Amino acid sequence: MNPDEIDKEIINIIKKDPEMPYSRIAELLQISEEEVKEKLEMLSDTRQKILIVDDELDTLIPLKRALEAEDYLVVEASSGMEAIEKTRSNHPDLILLDLMMPGMDGFEVCNVLKDDTLTGSIPIIMLTAKGEIDDKIEGIETGADDYVTKPFDLSELKARIKMILRRTGV
């Protein structure tokens, strides 16, 4: 069962029996009780959701804190494959994607996400130290909605995030 189907099943179960314990829902869906709790929290949270994909904690943690202070729900991933999985399971409103990661780089992640009908419309801001014009062009041609080089000004990044979310109607 894919993540969307699990979400729908949880909602159906709760509609039928709002008092059903998490343990019973987990048993019925053959998932962990912790996963049921996480999914219910995500489903009930109406904040705009941003996925930050970066393997460098020095970038990830301060950025996560700054965006949470702006009342965004922040999900994090530290690799390309994890980014794809979390995008499919968490349905973020926007993705901040680093280019240079071990294994699958940001260009590859962007290609996979933009080619998928479930994730193709999610806006992506590439956030990277690669500031050469060829890299910027490749990022935009790959499907990124914006390209910001590190080090970046936090106020400018927040403004770009707001602009893209406003433009996409999220």
N, C-alpha and C. Protein backbone atom coordinates (compact mmCIF):
# COMPACT_ATOMS: atom_id res chain seq x y z
N MET A 1 0.86 -1.18 0.00
CA MET A 1 0.00 0.00 0.00
C MET A 1 0.90 1.24 0.00
N ASN A 2 0.63 2.16 -0.92
CA ASN A 2 1.46 3.36 -0.99
C ASN A 2 1.03 4.38 0.08
N PRO A 3 1.87 5.39 0.34
CA PRO A 3 1.57 6.36 1.42
C PRO A 3 0.22 7.05 1.27
N ASP A 4 -0.17 7.40 0.04
CA ASP A 4 -1.47 8.06 -0.16
C ASP A 4 -2.61 7.14 0.23
N GLU A 5 -2.49 5.87 -0.14
CA GLU A 5 -3.54 4.90 0.21
C GLU A 5 -3.64 4.71 1.72
N ILE A 6 -2.48 4.69 2.38
CA ILE A 6 -2.46 4.54 3.84
C ILE A 6 -3.16 5.74 4.48
N ASP A 7 -2.84 6.95 4.01
CA ASP A 7 -3.49 8.16 4.53
C ASP A 7 -5.00 8.06 4.39
N LYS A 8 -5.46 7.67 3.21
CA LYS A 8 -6.90 7.56 2.95
C LYS A 8 -7.55 6.51 3.84
N GLU A 9 -6.87 5.40 4.02
CA GLU A 9 -7.41 4.33 4.88
C GLU A 9 -7.51 4.79 6.33
N ILE A 10 -6.49 5.50 6.80
CA ILE A 10 -6.53 6.01 8.17
C ILE A 10 -7.73 6.96 8.34
N ILE A 11 -7.91 7.84 7.37
CA ILE A 11 -9.05 8.77 7.43
C ILE A 11 -10.37 8.01 7.44
N ASN A 12 -10.50 7.00 6.58
CA ASN A 12 -11.74 6.20 6.53
C ASN A 12 -12.00 5.49 7.85
N ILE A 13 -10.96 4.93 8.44
CA ILE A 13 -11.11 4.22 9.72
C ILE A 13 -11.57 5.19 10.80
N ILE A 14 -10.95 6.37 10.85
CA ILE A 14 -11.30 7.35 11.88
C ILE A 14 -12.72 7.89 11.68
N LYS A 15 -13.13 8.04 10.42
CA LYS A 15 -14.49 8.49 10.16
C LYS A 15 -15.51 7.48 10.71
N LYS A 16 -15.21 6.20 10.55
CA LYS A 16 -16.12 5.14 11.01
C LYS A 16 -16.10 5.01 12.53
N ASP A 17 -14.90 5.15 13.10
CA ASP A 17 -14.76 4.98 14.54
C ASP A 17 -13.72 5.96 15.09
N PRO A 18 -14.15 7.18 15.44
CA PRO A 18 -13.21 8.20 15.92
C PRO A 18 -12.47 7.80 17.19
N GLU A 19 -12.98 6.84 17.92
CA GLU A 19 -12.35 6.43 19.18
C GLU A 19 -11.39 5.26 19.03
N MET A 20 -11.22 4.76 17.80
CA MET A 20 -10.36 3.59 17.61
C MET A 20 -8.93 3.93 18.02
N PRO A 21 -8.31 3.08 18.83
CA PRO A 21 -6.93 3.35 19.27
C PRO A 21 -5.92 3.20 18.12
N TYR A 22 -4.82 3.95 18.25
CA TYR A 22 -3.77 3.89 17.24
C TYR A 22 -3.27 2.47 17.03
N SER A 23 -3.19 1.71 18.11
CA SER A 23 -2.67 0.34 18.01
C SER A 23 -3.55 -0.51 17.10
N ARG A 24 -4.86 -0.33 17.16
CA ARG A 24 -5.78 -1.10 16.32
C ARG A 24 -5.68 -0.65 14.86
N ILE A 25 -5.56 0.66 14.63
CA ILE A 25 -5.38 1.17 13.26
C ILE A 25 -4.10 0.59 12.66
N ALA A 26 -3.03 0.61 13.45
CA ALA A 26 -1.74 0.08 12.99
C ALA A 26 -1.87 -1.40 12.63
N GLU A 27 -2.57 -2.13 13.47
CA GLU A 27 -2.78 -3.56 13.23
C GLU A 27 -3.56 -3.79 11.93
N LEU A 28 -4.63 -3.03 11.73
CA LEU A 28 -5.45 -3.17 10.53
C LEU A 28 -4.67 -2.86 9.25
N LEU A 29 -3.81 -1.85 9.32
CA LEU A 29 -3.07 -1.41 8.13
C LEU A 29 -1.69 -2.04 8.02
N GLN A 30 -1.33 -2.83 9.00
CA GLN A 30 -0.02 -3.50 9.04
C GLN A 30 1.14 -2.51 8.95
N ILE A 31 1.02 -1.46 9.76
CA ILE A 31 2.09 -0.48 9.91
C ILE A 31 2.32 -0.27 11.41
N SER A 32 3.36 0.45 11.74
CA SER A 32 3.65 0.67 13.16
C SER A 32 2.71 1.70 13.77
N GLU A 33 2.54 1.61 15.06
CA GLU A 33 1.71 2.59 15.77
C GLU A 33 2.32 3.98 15.66
N GLU A 34 3.65 4.05 15.68
CA GLU A 34 4.35 5.33 15.54
C GLU A 34 4.04 5.96 14.18
N GLU A 35 3.99 5.14 13.13
CA GLU A 35 3.67 5.65 11.79
C GLU A 35 2.24 6.20 11.74
N VAL A 36 1.33 5.54 12.43
CA VAL A 36 -0.06 6.03 12.50
C VAL A 36 -0.07 7.40 13.16
N LYS A 37 0.63 7.54 14.29
CA LYS A 37 0.68 8.83 15.00
C LYS A 37 1.26 9.92 14.11
N GLU A 38 2.38 9.62 13.43
CA GLU A 38 3.03 10.61 12.56
C GLU A 38 2.10 11.04 11.43
N LYS A 39 1.43 10.07 10.82
CA LYS A 39 0.53 10.39 9.70
C LYS A 39 -0.64 11.24 10.16
N LEU A 40 -1.19 10.93 11.32
CA LEU A 40 -2.31 11.73 11.83
C LEU A 40 -1.87 13.15 12.17
N GLU A 41 -0.69 13.29 12.72
CA GLU A 41 -0.17 14.63 13.01
C GLU A 41 0.02 15.42 11.71
N MET A 42 0.58 14.78 10.69
CA MET A 42 0.81 15.46 9.41
C MET A 42 -0.52 15.82 8.75
N LEU A 43 -1.50 14.92 8.82
CA LEU A 43 -2.80 15.18 8.20
C LEU A 43 -3.55 16.32 8.88
N SER A 44 -3.32 16.48 10.18
CA SER A 44 -4.06 17.51 10.91
C SER A 44 -3.33 18.85 10.95
N ASP A 45 -2.09 18.89 10.49
CA ASP A 45 -1.31 20.13 10.49
C ASP A 45 -1.57 20.90 9.20
N THR A 46 -2.08 22.12 9.32
CA THR A 46 -2.45 22.89 8.14
C THR A 46 -1.37 23.89 7.70
N ARG A 47 -0.24 23.89 8.38
CA ARG A 47 0.83 24.81 7.99
C ARG A 47 1.40 24.41 6.62
N GLN A 48 1.99 25.38 5.93
CA GLN A 48 2.68 25.07 4.68
C GLN A 48 3.91 24.23 5.00
N LYS A 49 4.11 23.19 4.19
CA LYS A 49 5.17 22.22 4.47
C LYS A 49 6.32 22.39 3.49
N ILE A 50 7.52 22.48 4.05
CA ILE A 50 8.74 22.62 3.25
C ILE A 50 9.67 21.45 3.55
N LEU A 51 10.14 20.82 2.49
CA LEU A 51 11.14 19.76 2.61
C LEU A 51 12.50 20.37 2.32
N ILE A 52 13.41 20.27 3.29
CA ILE A 52 14.79 20.71 3.09
C ILE A 52 15.64 19.48 2.84
N VAL A 53 16.35 19.49 1.72
CA VAL A 53 17.21 18.36 1.37
C VAL A 53 18.65 18.86 1.35
N ASP A 54 19.42 18.44 2.34
CA ASP A 54 20.82 18.85 2.44
C ASP A 54 21.55 17.86 3.33
N ASP A 55 22.72 17.43 2.91
CA ASP A 55 23.49 16.48 3.70
C ASP A 55 24.41 17.17 4.71
N GLU A 56 24.45 18.50 4.68
CA GLU A 56 25.28 19.26 5.62
C GLU A 56 24.42 19.81 6.75
N LEU A 57 24.65 19.30 7.96
CA LEU A 57 23.87 19.74 9.11
C LEU A 57 24.07 21.22 9.42
N ASP A 58 25.25 21.76 9.05
CA ASP A 58 25.52 23.19 9.28
C ASP A 58 24.55 24.08 8.51
N THR A 59 24.05 23.59 7.41
CA THR A 59 23.06 24.33 6.63
C THR A 59 21.66 23.94 7.06
N LEU A 60 21.43 22.66 7.20
CA LEU A 60 20.09 22.12 7.45
C LEU A 60 19.47 22.61 8.76
N ILE A 61 20.19 22.50 9.85
CA ILE A 61 19.62 22.81 11.17
C ILE A 61 19.25 24.29 11.33
N PRO A 62 20.17 25.24 11.01
CA PRO A 62 19.77 26.65 11.17
C PRO A 62 18.63 27.04 10.22
N LEU A 63 18.64 26.50 9.00
CA LEU A 63 17.57 26.80 8.05
C LEU A 63 16.24 26.24 8.54
N LYS A 64 16.28 25.03 9.05
CA LYS A 64 15.06 24.41 9.59
C LYS A 64 14.49 25.28 10.73
N ARG A 65 15.34 25.68 11.65
CA ARG A 65 14.89 26.50 12.78
C ARG A 65 14.31 27.84 12.31
N ALA A 66 14.98 28.46 11.34
CA ALA A 66 14.52 29.76 10.84
C ALA A 66 13.15 29.63 10.17
N LEU A 67 12.94 28.56 9.41
CA LEU A 67 11.65 28.37 8.74
C LEU A 67 10.56 27.97 9.72
N GLU A 68 10.91 27.18 10.72
CA GLU A 68 9.92 26.84 11.76
C GLU A 68 9.50 28.09 12.53
N ALA A 69 10.43 29.01 12.72
CA ALA A 69 10.11 30.26 13.40
C ALA A 69 9.12 31.10 12.57
N GLU A 70 9.09 30.86 11.25
CA GLU A 70 8.14 31.54 10.36
C GLU A 70 6.83 30.75 10.26
N ASP A 71 6.70 29.71 11.07
CA ASP A 71 5.51 28.86 11.17
C ASP A 71 5.31 27.92 9.98
N TYR A 72 6.41 27.51 9.35
CA TYR A 72 6.34 26.46 8.35
C TYR A 72 6.53 25.12 9.05
N LEU A 73 5.92 24.09 8.51
CA LEU A 73 6.17 22.73 8.96
C LEU A 73 7.34 22.24 8.12
N VAL A 74 8.45 21.90 8.75
CA VAL A 74 9.66 21.54 8.03
C VAL A 74 9.95 20.05 8.17
N VAL A 75 10.18 19.43 7.01
CA VAL A 75 10.58 18.02 6.94
C VAL A 75 11.99 18.05 6.38
N GLU A 76 12.83 17.12 6.80
CA GLU A 76 14.20 17.14 6.33
C GLU A 76 14.61 15.81 5.72
N ALA A 77 15.53 15.88 4.78
CA ALA A 77 16.12 14.70 4.16
C ALA A 77 17.59 14.99 3.93
N SER A 78 18.43 13.96 4.03
CA SER A 78 19.86 14.19 3.89
C SER A 78 20.46 13.49 2.68
N SER A 79 19.62 12.88 1.84
CA SER A 79 20.12 12.25 0.62
C SER A 79 19.06 12.35 -0.46
N GLY A 80 19.48 12.09 -1.68
CA GLY A 80 18.56 12.16 -2.80
C GLY A 80 17.42 11.15 -2.70
N MET A 81 17.75 9.91 -2.39
CA MET A 81 16.71 8.88 -2.28
C MET A 81 15.74 9.20 -1.14
N GLU A 82 16.26 9.65 -0.03
CA GLU A 82 15.40 10.03 1.10
C GLU A 82 14.49 11.19 0.69
N ALA A 83 15.00 12.11 -0.10
CA ALA A 83 14.21 13.26 -0.57
C ALA A 83 13.03 12.78 -1.42
N ILE A 84 13.28 11.84 -2.30
CA ILE A 84 12.22 11.32 -3.16
C ILE A 84 11.17 10.60 -2.31
N GLU A 85 11.61 9.77 -1.38
CA GLU A 85 10.68 9.04 -0.50
C GLU A 85 9.85 10.01 0.34
N LYS A 86 10.51 11.01 0.93
CA LYS A 86 9.79 11.95 1.80
C LYS A 86 8.87 12.87 1.00
N THR A 87 9.24 13.17 -0.23
CA THR A 87 8.35 13.97 -1.08
C THR A 87 7.08 13.18 -1.36
N ARG A 88 7.23 11.92 -1.68
CA ARG A 88 6.06 11.09 -1.99
C ARG A 88 5.19 10.83 -0.76
N SER A 89 5.80 10.71 0.40
CA SER A 89 5.02 10.39 1.60
C SER A 89 4.50 11.62 2.34
N ASN A 90 5.19 12.76 2.21
CA ASN A 90 4.82 13.95 2.97
C ASN A 90 4.15 15.05 2.15
N HIS A 91 4.22 14.96 0.84
CA HIS A 91 3.60 15.95 -0.05
C HIS A 91 3.91 17.39 0.36
N PRO A 92 5.19 17.78 0.34
CA PRO A 92 5.52 19.16 0.74
C PRO A 92 4.96 20.17 -0.26
N ASP A 93 4.80 21.39 0.22
CA ASP A 93 4.35 22.48 -0.64
C ASP A 93 5.50 23.08 -1.43
N LEU A 94 6.73 22.86 -0.94
CA LEU A 94 7.92 23.40 -1.60
C LEU A 94 9.13 22.58 -1.14
N ILE A 95 10.13 22.46 -2.02
CA ILE A 95 11.34 21.72 -1.69
C ILE A 95 12.55 22.64 -1.84
N LEU A 96 13.39 22.68 -0.83
CA LEU A 96 14.69 23.35 -0.90
C LEU A 96 15.71 22.24 -1.12
N LEU A 97 16.34 22.21 -2.28
CA LEU A 97 17.14 21.07 -2.70
C LEU A 97 18.60 21.44 -2.92
N ASP A 98 19.47 20.81 -2.15
CA ASP A 98 20.91 20.98 -2.34
C ASP A 98 21.32 20.20 -3.59
N LEU A 99 22.34 20.67 -4.29
CA LEU A 99 22.81 19.97 -5.48
C LEU A 99 23.83 18.89 -5.16
N MET A 100 24.77 19.23 -4.31
CA MET A 100 25.89 18.32 -4.07
C MET A 100 25.61 17.42 -2.87
N MET A 101 25.23 16.19 -3.19
CA MET A 101 24.96 15.18 -2.15
C MET A 101 25.58 13.86 -2.59
N PRO A 102 25.89 13.01 -1.64
CA PRO A 102 26.44 11.71 -2.02
C PRO A 102 25.37 10.87 -2.73
N GLY A 103 25.81 10.03 -3.65
CA GLY A 103 24.87 9.17 -4.37
C GLY A 103 24.17 9.93 -5.46
N MET A 104 22.93 10.28 -5.23
CA MET A 104 22.11 10.98 -6.21
C MET A 104 22.20 12.49 -5.97
N ASP A 105 22.63 13.24 -6.97
CA ASP A 105 22.75 14.69 -6.78
C ASP A 105 21.41 15.39 -6.99
N GLY A 106 21.37 16.68 -6.72
CA GLY A 106 20.14 17.45 -6.79
C GLY A 106 19.52 17.50 -8.18
N PHE A 107 20.36 17.51 -9.23
CA PHE A 107 19.83 17.50 -10.59
C PHE A 107 19.02 16.22 -10.84
N GLU A 108 19.59 15.09 -10.40
CA GLU A 108 18.92 13.80 -10.58
C GLU A 108 17.61 13.75 -9.78
N VAL A 109 17.65 14.24 -8.55
CA VAL A 109 16.45 14.26 -7.71
C VAL A 109 15.38 15.11 -8.37
N CYS A 110 15.76 16.28 -8.84
CA CYS A 110 14.82 17.18 -9.50
C CYS A 110 14.20 16.49 -10.72
N ASN A 111 15.01 15.82 -11.52
CA ASN A 111 14.49 15.10 -12.69
C ASN A 111 13.46 14.06 -12.30
N VAL A 112 13.78 13.25 -11.29
CA VAL A 112 12.87 12.19 -10.84
C VAL A 112 11.55 12.80 -10.37
N LEU A 113 11.64 13.83 -9.54
CA LEU A 113 10.43 14.44 -8.98
C LEU A 113 9.59 15.13 -10.05
N LYS A 114 10.22 15.82 -10.97
CA LYS A 114 9.48 16.55 -12.00
C LYS A 114 8.86 15.60 -13.03
N ASP A 115 9.43 14.40 -13.20
CA ASP A 115 8.89 13.42 -14.15
C ASP A 115 7.76 12.58 -13.55
N ASP A 116 7.53 12.69 -12.25
CA ASP A 116 6.51 11.92 -11.56
C ASP A 116 5.22 12.73 -11.48
N THR A 117 4.10 12.15 -11.91
CA THR A 117 2.84 12.90 -11.91
C THR A 117 2.39 13.30 -10.50
N LEU A 118 2.78 12.54 -9.49
CA LEU A 118 2.41 12.87 -8.11
C LEU A 118 3.21 14.02 -7.53
N THR A 119 4.43 14.21 -8.01
CA THR A 119 5.32 15.21 -7.41
C THR A 119 5.75 16.30 -8.38
N GLY A 120 5.41 16.18 -9.64
CA GLY A 120 5.89 17.08 -10.67
C GLY A 120 5.52 18.54 -10.50
N SER A 121 4.44 18.81 -9.81
CA SER A 121 4.01 20.21 -9.66
C SER A 121 4.54 20.88 -8.39
N ILE A 122 5.27 20.14 -7.58
CA ILE A 122 5.82 20.72 -6.35
C ILE A 122 6.99 21.65 -6.72
N PRO A 123 6.94 22.92 -6.31
CA PRO A 123 8.04 23.83 -6.64
C PRO A 123 9.33 23.45 -5.92
N ILE A 124 10.43 23.63 -6.64
CA ILE A 124 11.75 23.31 -6.12
C ILE A 124 12.65 24.54 -6.22
N ILE A 125 13.29 24.87 -5.10
CA ILE A 125 14.34 25.89 -5.10
C ILE A 125 15.65 25.16 -4.88
N MET A 126 16.54 25.25 -5.84
CA MET A 126 17.86 24.66 -5.66
C MET A 126 18.68 25.61 -4.81
N LEU A 127 19.29 25.06 -3.78
CA LEU A 127 20.03 25.82 -2.79
C LEU A 127 21.42 25.22 -2.74
N THR A 128 22.41 25.89 -3.35
CA THR A 128 23.69 25.22 -3.54
C THR A 128 24.87 26.18 -3.59
N ALA A 129 26.04 25.62 -3.34
CA ALA A 129 27.28 26.39 -3.44
C ALA A 129 27.75 26.48 -4.88
N LYS A 130 27.13 25.72 -5.79
CA LYS A 130 27.53 25.73 -7.20
C LYS A 130 26.91 26.96 -7.87
N GLY A 131 27.71 28.00 -8.03
CA GLY A 131 27.19 29.27 -8.52
C GLY A 131 27.54 29.59 -9.96
N GLU A 132 28.15 28.65 -10.68
CA GLU A 132 28.50 28.89 -12.08
C GLU A 132 27.23 29.02 -12.91
N ILE A 133 27.28 29.85 -13.93
CA ILE A 133 26.11 30.09 -14.77
C ILE A 133 25.61 28.80 -15.41
N ASP A 134 26.52 27.90 -15.80
CA ASP A 134 26.11 26.62 -16.41
C ASP A 134 25.30 25.79 -15.42
N ASP A 135 25.68 25.81 -14.14
CA ASP A 135 24.94 25.08 -13.12
C ASP A 135 23.55 25.67 -12.94
N LYS A 136 23.48 26.99 -12.92
CA LYS A 136 22.19 27.67 -12.78
C LYS A 136 21.26 27.33 -13.95
N ILE A 137 21.81 27.37 -15.15
CA ILE A 137 21.02 27.04 -16.33
C ILE A 137 20.54 25.60 -16.26
N GLU A 138 21.44 24.69 -15.91
CA GLU A 138 21.04 23.28 -15.81
C GLU A 138 19.95 23.09 -14.76
N GLY A 139 20.06 23.79 -13.63
CA GLY A 139 19.05 23.68 -12.59
C GLY A 139 17.68 24.13 -13.07
N ILE A 140 17.65 25.27 -13.75
CA ILE A 140 16.38 25.79 -14.25
C ILE A 140 15.84 24.87 -15.35
N GLU A 141 16.71 24.41 -16.25
CA GLU A 141 16.27 23.52 -17.32
C GLU A 141 15.81 22.16 -16.79
N THR A 142 16.33 21.76 -15.66
CA THR A 142 15.92 20.49 -15.04
C THR A 142 14.52 20.60 -14.45
N GLY A 143 14.07 21.82 -14.20
CA GLY A 143 12.72 22.01 -13.68
C GLY A 143 12.64 22.78 -12.39
N ALA A 144 13.77 23.22 -11.87
CA ALA A 144 13.75 24.00 -10.63
C ALA A 144 13.03 25.33 -10.88
N ASP A 145 12.33 25.80 -9.88
CA ASP A 145 11.59 27.05 -9.98
C ASP A 145 12.46 28.25 -9.62
N ASP A 146 13.54 28.00 -8.90
CA ASP A 146 14.46 29.07 -8.53
C ASP A 146 15.79 28.43 -8.19
N TYR A 147 16.83 29.24 -8.13
CA TYR A 147 18.19 28.76 -7.89
C TYR A 147 18.88 29.78 -7.00
N VAL A 148 19.24 29.38 -5.80
CA VAL A 148 19.86 30.28 -4.83
C VAL A 148 21.22 29.71 -4.46
N THR A 149 22.25 30.57 -4.51
CA THR A 149 23.59 30.09 -4.19
C THR A 149 23.94 30.36 -2.72
N LYS A 150 24.72 29.42 -2.17
CA LYS A 150 25.25 29.54 -0.80
C LYS A 150 26.56 30.30 -0.87
N PRO A 151 26.90 31.09 0.10
CA PRO A 151 26.04 31.46 1.23
C PRO A 151 24.91 32.37 0.74
N PHE A 152 23.77 32.22 1.37
CA PHE A 152 22.59 32.99 0.96
C PHE A 152 22.16 33.90 2.09
N ASP A 153 21.42 34.92 1.72
CA ASP A 153 20.83 35.82 2.70
C ASP A 153 19.49 35.22 3.11
N LEU A 154 19.31 34.96 4.40
CA LEU A 154 18.10 34.30 4.89
C LEU A 154 16.84 35.09 4.57
N SER A 155 16.89 36.40 4.68
CA SER A 155 15.72 37.22 4.38
C SER A 155 15.32 37.09 2.92
N GLU A 156 16.31 37.07 2.03
CA GLU A 156 16.02 36.91 0.60
C GLU A 156 15.42 35.53 0.33
N LEU A 157 15.98 34.49 0.94
CA LEU A 157 15.45 33.14 0.74
C LEU A 157 14.01 33.05 1.22
N LYS A 158 13.72 33.62 2.39
CA LYS A 158 12.34 33.60 2.90
C LYS A 158 11.40 34.33 1.94
N ALA A 159 11.85 35.43 1.38
CA ALA A 159 11.03 36.18 0.41
C ALA A 159 10.78 35.35 -0.84
N ARG A 160 11.79 34.64 -1.31
CA ARG A 160 11.64 33.79 -2.49
C ARG A 160 10.67 32.63 -2.20
N ILE A 161 10.76 32.06 -1.01
CA ILE A 161 9.85 30.98 -0.62
C ILE A 161 8.42 31.49 -0.62
N LYS A 162 8.20 32.64 0.02
CA LYS A 162 6.84 33.22 0.07
C LYS A 162 6.31 33.51 -1.32
N MET A 163 7.17 34.05 -2.18
CA MET A 163 6.76 34.40 -3.54
C MET A 163 6.33 33.14 -4.31
N ILE A 164 7.12 32.09 -4.21
CA ILE A 164 6.78 30.86 -4.95
C ILE A 164 5.51 30.22 -4.39
N LEU A 165 5.37 30.19 -3.08
CA LEU A 165 4.16 29.62 -2.48
C LEU A 165 2.93 30.45 -2.84
N ARG A 166 3.08 31.75 -2.88
CA ARG A 166 1.97 32.63 -3.27
C ARG A 166 1.62 32.40 -4.74
N ARG A 167 2.64 32.27 -5.59
CA ARG A 167 2.43 32.06 -7.02
C ARG A 167 1.75 30.72 -7.30
N THR A 168 2.10 29.70 -6.52
CA THR A 168 1.51 28.37 -6.75
C THR A 168 0.15 28.21 -6.04
N GLY A 169 -0.22 29.22 -5.25
CA GLY A 169 -1.53 29.17 -4.61
C GLY A 169 -1.63 28.22 -3.43
N VAL A 170 -0.48 27.90 -2.85
CA VAL A 170 -0.48 26.98 -1.70
C VAL A 170 -0.71 27.75 -0.43
